[in-house]
């Protein structure tokens, strides 16, 4: 494929993705992040295939870095999604902190010391 066409497809895809995400209400960001983690799994699969089909050392190193970065992306995405979902769960610490007028971090520290 012509490199100019490849660059044009990349630029158009980036612009479409930006405008789609920009117009998503904040309430839907968590479910979208979970969906993106699934797509990152596909990226990891492609990177692993690239490692197995690498013909020289440079390709092997680049593909190995791609595998590592895809794994970091997946792990961080799940961590952020889990953290965001925890914000929607009622917490006895949060209720206790609001009654006592203390920040949530101080309440957690006091309970950990007990």
N, C-alpha and C. Protein backbone atom coordinates (compact mmCIF):
# COMPACT_ATOMS: atom_id res chain seq x y z
N UNK A 1 0.85 -1.17 0.00
CA UNK A 1 0.00 0.00 0.00
C UNK A 1 0.89 1.24 0.00
N UNK A 2 0.46 2.23 -0.69
CA UNK A 2 1.18 3.48 -0.80
C UNK A 2 1.30 4.15 0.58
N UNK A 3 2.50 4.63 0.97
CA UNK A 3 2.66 5.25 2.29
C UNK A 3 1.80 6.50 2.47
N UNK A 4 1.56 7.23 1.42
CA UNK A 4 0.72 8.44 1.51
C UNK A 4 -0.71 8.05 1.89
N UNK A 5 -1.21 6.99 1.29
CA UNK A 5 -2.55 6.52 1.61
C UNK A 5 -2.61 6.04 3.07
N UNK A 6 -1.59 5.36 3.51
CA UNK A 6 -1.54 4.89 4.90
C UNK A 6 -1.56 6.06 5.88
N UNK A 7 -0.79 7.09 5.60
CA UNK A 7 -0.76 8.27 6.47
C UNK A 7 -2.11 8.97 6.45
N UNK A 8 -2.73 9.07 5.29
CA UNK A 8 -4.04 9.71 5.19
C UNK A 8 -5.09 8.93 5.99
N UNK A 9 -5.06 7.61 5.92
CA UNK A 9 -6.00 6.80 6.70
C UNK A 9 -5.78 7.02 8.19
N UNK A 10 -4.51 7.08 8.61
CA UNK A 10 -4.20 7.32 10.02
C UNK A 10 -4.72 8.67 10.48
N UNK A 11 -4.50 9.72 9.71
CA UNK A 11 -4.93 11.07 10.09
C UNK A 11 -6.46 11.14 10.17
N UNK A 12 -7.14 10.58 9.19
CA UNK A 12 -8.61 10.59 9.21
C UNK A 12 -9.13 9.78 10.39
N UNK A 13 -8.53 8.65 10.67
CA UNK A 13 -8.96 7.83 11.80
C UNK A 13 -8.76 8.56 13.12
N UNK A 14 -7.63 9.24 13.27
CA UNK A 14 -7.36 9.99 14.49
C UNK A 14 -8.38 11.13 14.66
N UNK A 15 -8.69 11.83 13.58
CA UNK A 15 -9.66 12.93 13.67
C UNK A 15 -11.06 12.41 14.02
N UNK A 16 -11.49 11.33 13.38
CA UNK A 16 -12.81 10.76 13.67
C UNK A 16 -12.86 10.29 15.12
N UNK A 17 -11.82 9.62 15.59
CA UNK A 17 -11.78 9.15 16.97
C UNK A 17 -11.83 10.30 17.96
N UNK A 18 -11.10 11.36 17.68
CA UNK A 18 -11.10 12.53 18.57
C UNK A 18 -12.50 13.13 18.67
N UNK A 19 -13.15 13.34 17.55
CA UNK A 19 -14.47 13.97 17.59
C UNK A 19 -15.53 13.05 18.19
N UNK A 20 -15.39 11.75 18.02
CA UNK A 20 -16.33 10.82 18.65
C UNK A 20 -16.20 10.85 20.16
N UNK A 21 -14.98 10.77 20.67
CA UNK A 21 -14.76 10.75 22.11
C UNK A 21 -15.09 12.10 22.73
N UNK A 22 -14.82 13.18 22.01
CA UNK A 22 -15.11 14.52 22.53
C UNK A 22 -16.60 14.71 22.80
N UNK A 23 -17.46 14.09 22.02
CA UNK A 23 -18.90 14.28 22.14
C UNK A 23 -19.59 13.25 23.03
N UNK A 24 -18.82 12.38 23.68
CA UNK A 24 -19.41 11.36 24.56
C UNK A 24 -19.66 11.99 25.94
N UNK A 25 -20.86 11.81 26.49
CA UNK A 25 -21.12 12.33 27.84
C UNK A 25 -20.21 11.65 28.87
N UNK A 26 -19.88 12.37 29.93
CA UNK A 26 -18.94 11.83 30.92
C UNK A 26 -19.48 10.58 31.61
N UNK A 27 -20.79 10.40 31.66
CA UNK A 27 -21.38 9.22 32.28
C UNK A 27 -21.00 7.94 31.53
N UNK A 28 -20.73 8.05 30.25
CA UNK A 28 -20.43 6.87 29.44
C UNK A 28 -18.94 6.57 29.29
N UNK A 29 -18.08 7.39 29.89
CA UNK A 29 -16.64 7.16 29.72
C UNK A 29 -16.17 5.84 30.32
N UNK A 30 -16.71 5.45 31.49
CA UNK A 30 -16.27 4.20 32.11
C UNK A 30 -16.60 2.98 31.25
N UNK A 31 -17.85 2.85 30.75
CA UNK A 31 -18.11 1.70 29.87
C UNK A 31 -17.27 1.73 28.59
N UNK A 32 -17.00 2.91 28.07
CA UNK A 32 -16.16 2.99 26.87
C UNK A 32 -14.73 2.57 27.17
N UNK A 33 -14.24 2.90 28.35
CA UNK A 33 -12.88 2.49 28.71
C UNK A 33 -12.80 0.97 28.81
N UNK A 34 -13.84 0.34 29.33
CA UNK A 34 -13.84 -1.12 29.41
C UNK A 34 -13.81 -1.73 28.02
N UNK A 35 -14.55 -1.14 27.11
CA UNK A 35 -14.53 -1.62 25.73
C UNK A 35 -13.18 -1.43 25.08
N UNK A 36 -12.52 -0.34 25.39
CA UNK A 36 -11.20 -0.09 24.83
C UNK A 36 -10.17 -1.09 25.38
N UNK A 37 -10.39 -1.57 26.60
CA UNK A 37 -9.49 -2.59 27.12
C UNK A 37 -9.59 -3.87 26.29
N UNK A 38 -10.77 -4.19 25.82
CA UNK A 38 -10.94 -5.35 24.96
C UNK A 38 -10.19 -5.15 23.64
N UNK A 39 -10.25 -3.94 23.10
CA UNK A 39 -9.52 -3.65 21.86
C UNK A 39 -8.01 -3.69 22.10
N UNK A 40 -7.58 -3.30 23.29
CA UNK A 40 -6.15 -3.38 23.60
C UNK A 40 -5.69 -4.82 23.64
N UNK A 41 -6.58 -5.73 24.00
CA UNK A 41 -6.25 -7.15 23.95
C UNK A 41 -5.97 -7.60 22.52
N UNK A 42 -6.70 -7.06 21.59
CA UNK A 42 -6.46 -7.38 20.18
C UNK A 42 -5.11 -6.81 19.74
N UNK A 43 -4.78 -5.62 20.24
CA UNK A 43 -3.47 -5.03 19.95
C UNK A 43 -2.36 -5.92 20.48
N UNK A 44 -2.56 -6.44 21.68
CA UNK A 44 -1.56 -7.34 22.27
C UNK A 44 -1.40 -8.59 21.41
N UNK A 45 -2.50 -9.13 20.94
CA UNK A 45 -2.43 -10.32 20.08
C UNK A 45 -1.63 -10.02 18.81
N UNK A 46 -1.87 -8.86 18.20
CA UNK A 46 -1.12 -8.47 17.00
C UNK A 46 0.36 -8.29 17.29
N UNK A 47 0.67 -7.73 18.47
CA UNK A 47 2.08 -7.55 18.83
C UNK A 47 2.76 -8.90 19.06
N UNK A 48 2.03 -9.85 19.65
CA UNK A 48 2.62 -11.18 19.86
C UNK A 48 2.84 -11.90 18.54
N UNK A 49 1.94 -11.72 17.60
CA UNK A 49 2.13 -12.30 16.28
C UNK A 49 3.35 -11.67 15.60
N UNK A 50 3.53 -10.35 15.81
CA UNK A 50 4.69 -9.67 15.23
C UNK A 50 6.00 -10.21 15.81
N UNK A 51 6.00 -10.56 17.10
CA UNK A 51 7.21 -11.13 17.72
C UNK A 51 7.54 -12.47 17.08
N UNK A 52 6.52 -13.29 16.89
CA UNK A 52 6.79 -14.63 16.34
C UNK A 52 7.20 -14.60 14.87
N UNK A 53 6.81 -13.56 14.15
CA UNK A 53 7.15 -13.51 12.73
C UNK A 53 8.31 -12.56 12.43
N UNK A 54 8.98 -12.06 13.47
CA UNK A 54 10.11 -11.15 13.25
C UNK A 54 11.26 -11.88 12.56
N UNK A 55 11.84 -11.24 11.57
CA UNK A 55 12.90 -11.86 10.80
C UNK A 55 14.29 -11.47 11.26
N UNK A 56 14.43 -10.31 11.88
CA UNK A 56 15.76 -9.89 12.36
C UNK A 56 15.65 -9.35 13.78
N UNK A 57 16.78 -9.04 14.35
CA UNK A 57 16.83 -8.61 15.76
C UNK A 57 16.10 -7.30 15.97
N UNK A 58 16.23 -6.35 15.06
CA UNK A 58 15.55 -5.06 15.21
C UNK A 58 14.04 -5.21 15.24
N UNK A 59 13.52 -6.05 14.37
CA UNK A 59 12.08 -6.31 14.36
C UNK A 59 11.63 -7.00 15.64
N UNK A 60 12.46 -7.92 16.12
CA UNK A 60 12.14 -8.63 17.36
C UNK A 60 12.08 -7.67 18.55
N UNK A 61 13.04 -6.74 18.62
CA UNK A 61 13.06 -5.77 19.71
C UNK A 61 11.85 -4.85 19.64
N UNK A 62 11.55 -4.34 18.44
CA UNK A 62 10.40 -3.45 18.28
C UNK A 62 9.10 -4.17 18.63
N UNK A 63 8.96 -5.40 18.21
CA UNK A 63 7.75 -6.16 18.51
C UNK A 63 7.65 -6.48 20.01
N UNK A 64 8.79 -6.76 20.65
CA UNK A 64 8.79 -7.02 22.08
C UNK A 64 8.39 -5.77 22.87
N UNK A 65 8.86 -4.62 22.43
CA UNK A 65 8.45 -3.36 23.07
C UNK A 65 6.95 -3.15 22.87
N UNK A 66 6.44 -3.49 21.70
CA UNK A 66 5.00 -3.37 21.45
C UNK A 66 4.19 -4.27 22.37
N UNK A 67 4.67 -5.48 22.62
CA UNK A 67 3.99 -6.40 23.55
C UNK A 67 3.97 -5.79 24.95
N UNK A 68 5.12 -5.28 25.38
CA UNK A 68 5.20 -4.67 26.71
C UNK A 68 4.26 -3.49 26.85
N UNK A 69 4.26 -2.59 25.87
CA UNK A 69 3.40 -1.41 25.93
C UNK A 69 1.92 -1.78 25.88
N UNK A 70 1.57 -2.80 25.11
CA UNK A 70 0.17 -3.24 25.08
C UNK A 70 -0.25 -3.81 26.43
N UNK A 71 0.65 -4.54 27.08
CA UNK A 71 0.34 -5.08 28.42
C UNK A 71 0.17 -3.97 29.44
N UNK A 72 1.03 -2.96 29.38
CA UNK A 72 0.90 -1.81 30.29
C UNK A 72 -0.42 -1.10 30.04
N UNK A 73 -0.79 -0.95 28.78
CA UNK A 73 -2.05 -0.29 28.43
C UNK A 73 -3.25 -1.06 28.99
N UNK A 74 -3.23 -2.36 28.87
CA UNK A 74 -4.34 -3.18 29.37
C UNK A 74 -4.42 -3.10 30.89
N UNK A 75 -3.30 -3.28 31.56
CA UNK A 75 -3.29 -3.26 33.03
C UNK A 75 -3.71 -1.91 33.56
N UNK A 76 -3.19 -0.84 32.99
CA UNK A 76 -3.56 0.50 33.44
C UNK A 76 -5.03 0.80 33.15
N UNK A 77 -5.51 0.34 32.01
CA UNK A 77 -6.93 0.56 31.68
C UNK A 77 -7.86 -0.12 32.66
N UNK A 78 -7.54 -1.36 33.02
CA UNK A 78 -8.37 -2.05 34.00
C UNK A 78 -8.26 -1.41 35.38
N UNK A 79 -7.07 -0.94 35.75
CA UNK A 79 -6.91 -0.28 37.05
C UNK A 79 -7.72 1.00 37.12
N UNK A 80 -7.69 1.80 36.06
CA UNK A 80 -8.45 3.04 36.05
C UNK A 80 -9.95 2.76 36.04
N UNK A 81 -10.37 1.77 35.26
CA UNK A 81 -11.79 1.42 35.22
C UNK A 81 -12.26 0.95 36.59
N UNK A 82 -11.47 0.11 37.25
CA UNK A 82 -11.82 -0.37 38.59
C UNK A 82 -11.91 0.79 39.57
N UNK A 83 -10.98 1.70 39.49
CA UNK A 83 -10.99 2.86 40.38
C UNK A 83 -12.22 3.74 40.14
N UNK A 84 -12.57 3.94 38.88
CA UNK A 84 -13.74 4.76 38.57
C UNK A 84 -15.03 4.08 39.03
N UNK A 85 -15.11 2.76 38.87
CA UNK A 85 -16.31 2.05 39.31
C UNK A 85 -16.45 2.06 40.82
N UNK A 86 -15.32 2.08 41.55
CA UNK A 86 -15.38 2.16 43.00
C UNK A 86 -15.98 3.48 43.47
N UNK A 87 -15.86 4.52 42.66
CA UNK A 87 -16.42 5.82 43.03
C UNK A 87 -17.94 5.78 43.08
N UNK A 88 -18.56 4.86 42.36
CA UNK A 88 -20.02 4.80 42.31
C UNK A 88 -20.60 3.89 43.39
N UNK A 89 -19.77 3.14 44.09
CA UNK A 89 -20.25 2.25 45.14
C UNK A 89 -20.35 3.01 46.45
N UNK A 90 -21.43 2.78 47.21
CA UNK A 90 -21.50 3.43 48.52
C UNK A 90 -20.45 2.82 49.44
N UNK A 91 -19.81 3.66 50.20
CA UNK A 91 -18.75 3.19 51.07
C UNK A 91 -19.03 3.65 52.49
N UNK A 92 -18.85 2.75 53.45
CA UNK A 92 -19.06 3.12 54.84
C UNK A 92 -18.01 4.15 55.26
N UNK A 93 -16.80 4.07 54.70
CA UNK A 93 -15.77 5.05 55.00
C UNK A 93 -16.17 6.43 54.53
N UNK A 94 -16.76 6.52 53.35
CA UNK A 94 -17.17 7.80 52.80
C UNK A 94 -18.28 8.41 53.65
N UNK A 95 -19.25 7.59 54.04
CA UNK A 95 -20.35 8.10 54.87
C UNK A 95 -19.83 8.53 56.23
N UNK A 96 -18.93 7.74 56.81
CA UNK A 96 -18.37 8.05 58.12
C UNK A 96 -17.55 9.34 58.04
N UNK A 97 -16.79 9.51 56.99
CA UNK A 97 -15.96 10.71 56.84
C UNK A 97 -16.81 11.95 56.69
N UNK A 98 -17.92 11.84 55.96
CA UNK A 98 -18.76 13.02 55.78
C UNK A 98 -19.48 13.38 57.07
N UNK A 99 -19.83 12.39 57.90
CA UNK A 99 -20.48 12.68 59.18
C UNK A 99 -19.51 13.36 60.14
N UNK A 100 -18.26 12.90 60.15
CA UNK A 100 -17.28 13.43 61.08
C UNK A 100 -16.59 14.68 60.55
N UNK A 101 -16.82 15.01 59.29
CA UNK A 101 -16.21 16.19 58.70
C UNK A 101 -14.74 16.00 58.37
N UNK A 102 -14.28 14.75 58.26
CA UNK A 102 -12.88 14.46 57.94
C UNK A 102 -12.76 14.07 56.47
N UNK A 103 -11.59 14.34 55.89
CA UNK A 103 -11.36 13.82 54.54
C UNK A 103 -11.31 12.30 54.55
N UNK A 104 -11.62 11.70 53.43
CA UNK A 104 -11.67 10.24 53.32
C UNK A 104 -10.33 9.59 53.63
N UNK A 105 -9.21 10.21 53.23
CA UNK A 105 -7.90 9.63 53.46
C UNK A 105 -7.61 9.49 54.96
N UNK A 106 -8.01 10.49 55.76
CA UNK A 106 -7.77 10.42 57.20
C UNK A 106 -8.57 9.30 57.83
N UNK A 107 -9.80 9.10 57.38
CA UNK A 107 -10.64 8.03 57.91
C UNK A 107 -10.02 6.68 57.60
N UNK A 108 -9.52 6.47 56.39
CA UNK A 108 -8.88 5.21 56.02
C UNK A 108 -7.65 4.95 56.88
N UNK A 109 -6.83 6.00 57.10
CA UNK A 109 -5.62 5.84 57.88
C UNK A 109 -5.96 5.45 59.32
N UNK A 110 -6.97 6.06 59.90
CA UNK A 110 -7.37 5.75 61.28
C UNK A 110 -7.86 4.30 61.38
N UNK A 111 -8.61 3.83 60.38
CA UNK A 111 -9.10 2.46 60.43
C UNK A 111 -7.97 1.45 60.23
N UNK A 112 -6.97 1.79 59.42
CA UNK A 112 -5.85 0.90 59.20
C UNK A 112 -5.01 0.76 60.46
N UNK A 113 -4.95 1.81 61.29
CA UNK A 113 -4.15 1.77 62.51
C UNK A 113 -4.80 0.88 63.56
N UNK A 114 -6.11 0.69 63.49
CA UNK A 114 -6.83 -0.10 64.50
C UNK A 114 -6.59 -1.54 64.34
